[in-house]
Amino acid sequence: MFLHEAHAQRDALGLTDLTPVVIQHPLSTLSDAEIDQRAAEAVDQCVTVWLGRPLP
């Protein structure tokens, strides 16, 4: 998972209030349907963040 790197980038850019959206990796070995599922999970997280709600 690249969450540590996301936090480091966020902090380096001065965006400390930014909440990273996280999906499971890897993607390269997944089928198109599995990638669609991961994208749907990311969309749900994005909407939650945009609405100012905490991620679970």
Foldseek 3Di string as FASTA:
>chain_A
DCVVVVCVVCVVVVNNVDDDQDFDDDPPPDDPVVVVVRVVSSVVVVVCVVVVHDDD
